[in-house]
Amino acid sequence: MAKVTLQVDKDTLRRARKRALDEDTSVNSVVASFLSSYAGDDKVRTAMKELVEMAKASTYGSGEWTWNRDELYDDVK
């Protein structure tokens, strides 16, 4: 594992330590988790971008037809 040095003002670090303690974790774990999430997996990032683009390109629901209550609850007994 690599080490990282950060500069954070004392008040922010104090509040982060208190919150981490309340959440039964450490500031180190929180920062490591954030960096892991931030770096992400390229496959996941690519899939998410493709999903967003598909949603933007979709015309589903752009018509004037809408659900009505009877259709929504047709199969519910």
N, C-alpha and C. Protein backbone atom coordinates (compact mmCIF):
# COMPACT_ATOMS: atom_id res chain seq x y z
N MET A 1 0.82 -1.19 0.00
CA MET A 1 0.00 0.00 0.00
C MET A 1 0.87 1.25 0.00
N ALA A 2 0.42 2.27 -0.69
CA ALA A 2 1.16 3.52 -0.76
C ALA A 2 0.63 4.48 0.30
N LYS A 3 1.48 5.39 0.72
CA LYS A 3 1.08 6.41 1.68
C LYS A 3 0.85 7.72 0.96
N VAL A 4 -0.09 8.51 1.47
CA VAL A 4 -0.42 9.81 0.90
C VAL A 4 -0.36 10.84 2.01
N THR A 5 0.20 12.00 1.73
CA THR A 5 0.23 13.08 2.70
C THR A 5 -0.73 14.16 2.22
N LEU A 6 -1.61 14.59 3.11
CA LEU A 6 -2.60 15.62 2.80
C LEU A 6 -2.43 16.80 3.75
N GLN A 7 -2.79 17.96 3.28
CA GLN A 7 -2.84 19.12 4.15
C GLN A 7 -4.31 19.52 4.31
N VAL A 8 -4.76 19.49 5.56
CA VAL A 8 -6.14 19.81 5.88
C VAL A 8 -6.12 20.73 7.10
N ASP A 9 -6.99 21.73 7.09
CA ASP A 9 -6.97 22.61 8.26
C ASP A 9 -7.41 21.85 9.51
N LYS A 10 -6.95 22.32 10.66
CA LYS A 10 -7.16 21.61 11.92
C LYS A 10 -8.62 21.40 12.25
N ASP A 11 -9.46 22.41 11.99
CA ASP A 11 -10.89 22.29 12.31
C ASP A 11 -11.56 21.21 11.47
N THR A 12 -11.22 21.15 10.20
CA THR A 12 -11.80 20.12 9.32
C THR A 12 -11.37 18.74 9.78
N LEU A 13 -10.10 18.57 10.10
CA LEU A 13 -9.61 17.28 10.57
C LEU A 13 -10.26 16.89 11.89
N ARG A 14 -10.43 17.84 12.78
CA ARG A 14 -11.07 17.56 14.08
C ARG A 14 -12.49 17.07 13.86
N ARG A 15 -13.25 17.76 13.00
CA ARG A 15 -14.63 17.36 12.72
C ARG A 15 -14.69 16.01 12.02
N ALA A 16 -13.73 15.76 11.11
CA ALA A 16 -13.69 14.47 10.41
C ALA A 16 -13.40 13.33 11.39
N ARG A 17 -12.49 13.57 12.32
CA ARG A 17 -12.17 12.55 13.32
C ARG A 17 -13.38 12.23 14.20
N LYS A 18 -14.11 13.28 14.60
CA LYS A 18 -15.32 13.07 15.42
C LYS A 18 -16.35 12.27 14.65
N ARG A 19 -16.57 12.64 13.39
CA ARG A 19 -17.56 11.92 12.59
C ARG A 19 -17.15 10.47 12.37
N ALA A 20 -15.89 10.26 12.06
CA ALA A 20 -15.39 8.90 11.86
C ALA A 20 -15.57 8.08 13.13
N LEU A 21 -15.29 8.67 14.28
CA LEU A 21 -15.47 7.98 15.55
C LEU A 21 -16.94 7.61 15.75
N ASP A 22 -17.83 8.55 15.45
CA ASP A 22 -19.28 8.28 15.56
C ASP A 22 -19.71 7.14 14.64
N GLU A 23 -19.04 7.01 13.49
CA GLU A 23 -19.39 5.99 12.51
C GLU A 23 -18.53 4.73 12.66
N ASP A 24 -17.79 4.66 13.76
CA ASP A 24 -16.96 3.50 14.08
C ASP A 24 -15.99 3.17 12.95
N THR A 25 -15.32 4.20 12.44
CA THR A 25 -14.33 4.03 11.39
C THR A 25 -13.18 5.00 11.65
N SER A 26 -12.34 5.21 10.67
CA SER A 26 -11.23 6.15 10.83
C SER A 26 -11.22 7.10 9.63
N VAL A 27 -10.57 8.23 9.81
CA VAL A 27 -10.42 9.19 8.72
C VAL A 27 -9.64 8.52 7.59
N ASN A 28 -8.63 7.75 7.94
CA ASN A 28 -7.85 7.03 6.93
C ASN A 28 -8.74 6.12 6.08
N SER A 29 -9.63 5.37 6.72
CA SER A 29 -10.53 4.47 5.99
C SER A 29 -11.49 5.24 5.09
N VAL A 30 -11.98 6.37 5.59
CA VAL A 30 -12.90 7.19 4.80
C VAL A 30 -12.20 7.74 3.56
N VAL A 31 -10.99 8.25 3.73
CA VAL A 31 -10.24 8.81 2.60
C VAL A 31 -9.88 7.70 1.61
N ALA A 32 -9.44 6.54 2.11
CA ALA A 32 -9.10 5.43 1.23
C ALA A 32 -10.31 4.96 0.43
N SER A 33 -11.46 4.89 1.09
CA SER A 33 -12.70 4.48 0.42
C SER A 33 -13.09 5.50 -0.65
N PHE A 34 -12.98 6.78 -0.31
CA PHE A 34 -13.30 7.83 -1.28
C PHE A 34 -12.40 7.73 -2.50
N LEU A 35 -11.08 7.59 -2.28
CA LEU A 35 -10.15 7.52 -3.40
C LEU A 35 -10.40 6.30 -4.27
N SER A 36 -10.72 5.19 -3.65
CA SER A 36 -11.04 3.98 -4.40
C SER A 36 -12.27 4.20 -5.27
N SER A 37 -13.29 4.81 -4.69
CA SER A 37 -14.51 5.11 -5.44
C SER A 37 -14.25 6.13 -6.53
N TYR A 38 -13.47 7.15 -6.20
CA TYR A 38 -13.14 8.22 -7.15
C TYR A 38 -12.37 7.68 -8.35
N ALA A 39 -11.42 6.81 -8.08
CA ALA A 39 -10.62 6.22 -9.16
C ALA A 39 -11.49 5.30 -10.01
N GLY A 40 -12.37 4.58 -9.36
CA GLY A 40 -13.35 3.76 -10.05
C GLY A 40 -12.77 2.68 -10.93
N ASP A 41 -13.66 1.92 -11.49
CA ASP A 41 -13.33 0.85 -12.41
C ASP A 41 -13.73 1.34 -13.80
N ASP A 42 -12.81 1.31 -14.74
CA ASP A 42 -13.10 1.82 -16.09
C ASP A 42 -14.28 1.11 -16.73
N LYS A 43 -14.45 -0.18 -16.48
CA LYS A 43 -15.58 -0.92 -17.06
C LYS A 43 -16.90 -0.39 -16.52
N VAL A 44 -16.94 -0.15 -15.22
CA VAL A 44 -18.16 0.37 -14.60
C VAL A 44 -18.44 1.78 -15.10
N ARG A 45 -17.42 2.61 -15.16
CA ARG A 45 -17.58 3.98 -15.62
C ARG A 45 -18.09 4.01 -17.07
N THR A 46 -17.52 3.16 -17.92
CA THR A 46 -17.94 3.09 -19.31
C THR A 46 -19.39 2.63 -19.41
N ALA A 47 -19.75 1.61 -18.64
CA ALA A 47 -21.13 1.10 -18.66
C ALA A 47 -22.11 2.18 -18.19
N MET A 48 -21.74 2.93 -17.16
CA MET A 48 -22.63 3.98 -16.67
C MET A 48 -22.81 5.08 -17.72
N LYS A 49 -21.73 5.47 -18.39
CA LYS A 49 -21.83 6.48 -19.44
C LYS A 49 -22.74 6.00 -20.56
N GLU A 50 -22.59 4.74 -20.96
CA GLU A 50 -23.43 4.18 -22.01
C GLU A 50 -24.89 4.15 -21.59
N LEU A 51 -25.14 3.80 -20.34
CA LEU A 51 -26.51 3.77 -19.83
C LEU A 51 -27.14 5.15 -19.84
N VAL A 52 -26.39 6.15 -19.42
CA VAL A 52 -26.88 7.53 -19.43
C VAL A 52 -27.19 7.97 -20.85
N GLU A 53 -26.30 7.66 -21.78
CA GLU A 53 -26.53 8.04 -23.18
C GLU A 53 -27.75 7.35 -23.76
N MET A 54 -27.95 6.08 -23.42
CA MET A 54 -29.14 5.36 -23.88
C MET A 54 -30.41 5.99 -23.32
N ALA A 55 -30.37 6.37 -22.05
CA ALA A 55 -31.53 7.00 -21.43
C ALA A 55 -31.84 8.34 -22.09
N LYS A 56 -30.80 9.11 -22.40
CA LYS A 56 -31.00 10.40 -23.06
C LYS A 56 -31.58 10.23 -24.45
N ALA A 57 -31.16 9.19 -25.15
CA ALA A 57 -31.61 8.96 -26.52
C ALA A 57 -32.99 8.31 -26.59
N SER A 58 -33.44 7.75 -25.50
CA SER A 58 -34.71 7.05 -25.49
C SER A 58 -35.89 7.99 -25.73
N THR A 59 -36.84 7.50 -26.49
CA THR A 59 -38.07 8.28 -26.73
C THR A 59 -39.23 7.69 -25.95
N TYR A 60 -38.96 6.64 -25.18
CA TYR A 60 -40.02 6.01 -24.39
C TYR A 60 -40.62 7.01 -23.42
N GLY A 61 -41.92 7.08 -23.40
CA GLY A 61 -42.60 7.98 -22.48
C GLY A 61 -42.72 9.40 -22.99
N SER A 62 -42.28 9.63 -24.21
CA SER A 62 -42.35 10.99 -24.73
C SER A 62 -43.69 11.29 -25.40
N GLY A 63 -44.52 10.27 -25.53
CA GLY A 63 -45.84 10.47 -26.14
C GLY A 63 -46.82 11.08 -25.16
N GLU A 64 -48.06 11.16 -25.59
CA GLU A 64 -49.07 11.78 -24.73
C GLU A 64 -49.81 10.76 -23.87
N TRP A 65 -49.62 9.47 -24.15
CA TRP A 65 -50.30 8.44 -23.38
C TRP A 65 -49.71 8.34 -21.99
N THR A 66 -50.56 8.20 -20.99
CA THR A 66 -50.10 8.01 -19.62
C THR A 66 -50.87 6.86 -18.99
N TRP A 67 -50.32 6.33 -17.92
CA TRP A 67 -51.00 5.27 -17.18
C TRP A 67 -52.23 5.84 -16.50
N ASN A 68 -53.23 5.00 -16.35
CA ASN A 68 -54.35 5.39 -15.49
C ASN A 68 -54.41 4.41 -14.33
N ARG A 69 -55.15 4.73 -13.32
CA ARG A 69 -55.16 3.93 -12.09
C ARG A 69 -55.60 2.49 -12.35
N ASP A 70 -56.62 2.28 -13.17
CA ASP A 70 -57.10 0.93 -13.43
C ASP A 70 -56.03 0.08 -14.11
N GLU A 71 -55.27 0.65 -15.03
CA GLU A 71 -54.21 -0.11 -15.71
C GLU A 71 -53.07 -0.44 -14.76
N LEU A 72 -52.76 0.46 -13.87
CA LEU A 72 -51.68 0.24 -12.92
C LEU A 72 -51.99 -0.90 -11.96
N TYR A 73 -53.26 -1.00 -11.57
CA TYR A 73 -53.65 -1.98 -10.57
C TYR A 73 -54.47 -3.12 -11.16
N ASP A 74 -54.35 -3.34 -12.46
CA ASP A 74 -55.13 -4.35 -13.16
C ASP A 74 -54.89 -5.76 -12.61
N ASP A 75 -53.64 -6.10 -12.31
CA ASP A 75 -53.30 -7.45 -11.85
C ASP A 75 -53.36 -7.62 -10.35
N VAL A 76 -53.57 -6.56 -9.61
CA VAL A 76 -53.60 -6.63 -8.15
C VAL A 76 -54.99 -7.06 -7.69
N LYS A 77 -55.02 -8.04 -6.83
CA LYS A 77 -56.34 -8.50 -6.33
C LYS A 77 -56.38 -8.43 -4.84
